[in-house]
């Protein structure tokens, strides 16, 4: 029998990751897919107007946008990101996110 290193998501199936979580007014929703000392993979859904305040990560944060649009600030650089785009935020650089529309992303942090 094989060992599975992921959780909270089916394996050996074709998935639309954005369909794995719903928007909830006034709430940031997340589902952890994998987490260990070197890697973290998490799905997020933020309804329009929700935000993730300025913080830093110990590792490069790779954001793959699945749905919607958000304003992301990395250091002093502002970005508008949309579905189908990817942004890599370097380790130890402060960053924040504001959902301009309902917004879903897959966040991978590599340490």
Protein backbone atom coordinates (compact mmCIF):
# COMPACT_ATOMS: atom_id res chain seq x y z
CA UNK A 1 0.00 0.00 0.00
CA UNK A 2 1.33 3.47 -0.90
CA UNK A 3 1.81 6.22 1.65
CA UNK A 4 0.05 9.56 1.09
CA UNK A 5 1.78 12.75 2.20
CA UNK A 6 -1.17 15.07 1.53
CA UNK A 7 -4.32 15.56 3.56
CA UNK A 8 -7.81 17.05 3.28
CA UNK A 9 -7.97 16.43 -0.46
CA UNK A 10 -8.60 13.39 -2.67
CA UNK A 11 -5.66 11.71 -4.36
CA UNK A 12 -5.50 10.10 -7.79
CA UNK A 13 -8.36 12.31 -9.04
CA UNK A 14 -8.47 15.25 -11.41
CA UNK A 15 -9.40 18.27 -9.32
CA UNK A 16 -10.36 21.89 -9.76
CA UNK A 17 -8.69 23.18 -6.61
CA UNK A 18 -10.81 26.32 -6.48
CA UNK A 19 -13.92 24.14 -6.12
CA UNK A 20 -12.55 22.57 -2.91
CA UNK A 21 -13.61 25.54 -0.75
CA UNK A 22 -16.43 28.08 -0.66
CA UNK A 23 -16.48 31.78 0.11
CA UNK A 24 -17.90 32.72 3.52
CA UNK A 25 -18.75 36.35 4.16
CA UNK A 26 -16.39 37.94 6.67
CA UNK A 27 -14.09 34.90 6.84
CA UNK A 28 -10.78 33.79 5.38
CA UNK A 29 -11.15 30.06 4.69
CA UNK A 30 -8.15 27.77 4.36
CA UNK A 31 -7.46 24.08 3.83
CA UNK A 32 -4.00 22.66 4.52
CA UNK A 33 -2.97 20.15 1.86
CA UNK A 34 0.56 19.40 3.05
CA UNK A 35 2.81 20.67 5.81
CA UNK A 36 6.20 19.72 7.15
CA UNK A 37 9.41 21.48 8.17
CA UNK A 38 10.36 22.20 4.51
CA UNK A 39 7.03 22.74 2.73
CA UNK A 40 3.54 24.08 3.31
CA UNK A 41 0.71 23.94 0.74
CA UNK A 42 -2.58 25.64 1.60
CA UNK A 43 -5.73 26.60 -0.31
CA UNK A 44 -7.32 29.95 0.59
CA UNK A 45 -10.64 31.64 -0.18
CA UNK A 46 -11.15 35.29 0.75
CA UNK A 47 -14.41 37.09 0.03
CA UNK A 48 -14.21 40.59 -1.43
CA UNK A 49 -12.85 43.05 1.13
CA UNK A 50 -11.09 40.51 3.36
CA UNK A 51 -7.36 40.80 3.85
CA UNK A 52 -4.27 39.13 5.20
CA UNK A 53 -2.29 41.73 7.12
CA UNK A 54 1.41 42.41 6.67
CA UNK A 55 3.59 39.50 7.78
CA UNK A 56 6.77 37.64 6.80
CA UNK A 57 7.40 33.98 6.06
CA UNK A 58 10.54 31.96 6.65
CA UNK A 59 10.60 30.58 3.13
CA UNK A 60 9.67 31.67 -0.37
CA UNK A 61 5.88 31.99 -0.75
CA UNK A 62 4.51 31.02 -4.16
CA UNK A 63 0.95 32.26 -4.76
CA UNK A 64 -1.02 30.70 -7.63
CA UNK A 65 -4.25 32.62 -8.23
CA UNK A 66 -7.22 30.33 -8.87
CA UNK A 67 -10.09 32.83 -8.92
CA UNK A 68 -10.76 36.55 -8.66
CA UNK A 69 -8.41 39.47 -8.11
CA UNK A 70 -6.31 40.74 -5.21
CA UNK A 71 -3.90 43.52 -4.37
CA UNK A 72 -0.64 42.10 -2.96
CA UNK A 73 2.16 44.25 -1.55
CA UNK A 74 5.62 42.65 -1.34
CA UNK A 75 8.11 44.93 0.37
CA UNK A 76 7.56 48.26 -1.40
CA UNK A 77 6.18 46.74 -4.63
CA UNK A 78 2.42 46.62 -5.30
CA UNK A 79 0.87 43.95 -7.53
CA UNK A 80 -2.61 43.31 -8.87
CA UNK A 81 -2.97 39.57 -9.40
CA UNK A 82 -5.72 37.70 -11.25
CA UNK A 83 -6.81 34.13 -11.95
CA UNK A 84 -4.16 32.18 -13.86
CA UNK A 85 -1.24 34.25 -12.55
CA UNK A 86 1.54 33.34 -10.12
CA UNK A 87 3.60 35.56 -7.80
CA UNK A 88 6.67 34.50 -5.82
CA UNK A 89 7.30 36.43 -2.61
CA UNK A 90 10.83 36.02 -1.25
CA UNK A 91 11.56 34.79 2.26
CA UNK A 92 11.68 37.37 5.07
CA UNK A 93 10.15 40.19 2.95
CA UNK A 94 6.97 41.67 4.48
CA UNK A 95 3.85 41.11 2.37
CA UNK A 96 0.09 41.61 2.61
CA UNK A 97 -3.01 40.80 0.57
CA UNK A 98 -6.37 42.52 0.02
CA UNK A 99 -9.14 40.72 -1.90
CA UNK A 100 -10.51 43.18 -4.46
CA UNK A 101 -13.01 40.53 -5.60
CA UNK A 102 -13.85 37.11 -4.22
CA UNK A 103 -10.40 35.54 -4.37
CA UNK A 104 -8.95 32.02 -4.19
CA UNK A 105 -5.29 31.03 -4.19
CA UNK A 106 -2.99 28.08 -3.70
CA UNK A 107 -0.11 29.08 -1.41
CA UNK A 108 3.09 27.04 -1.40
CA UNK A 109 5.82 28.00 1.06
CA UNK A 110 9.21 26.41 0.39
CA UNK A 111 11.79 26.53 3.20
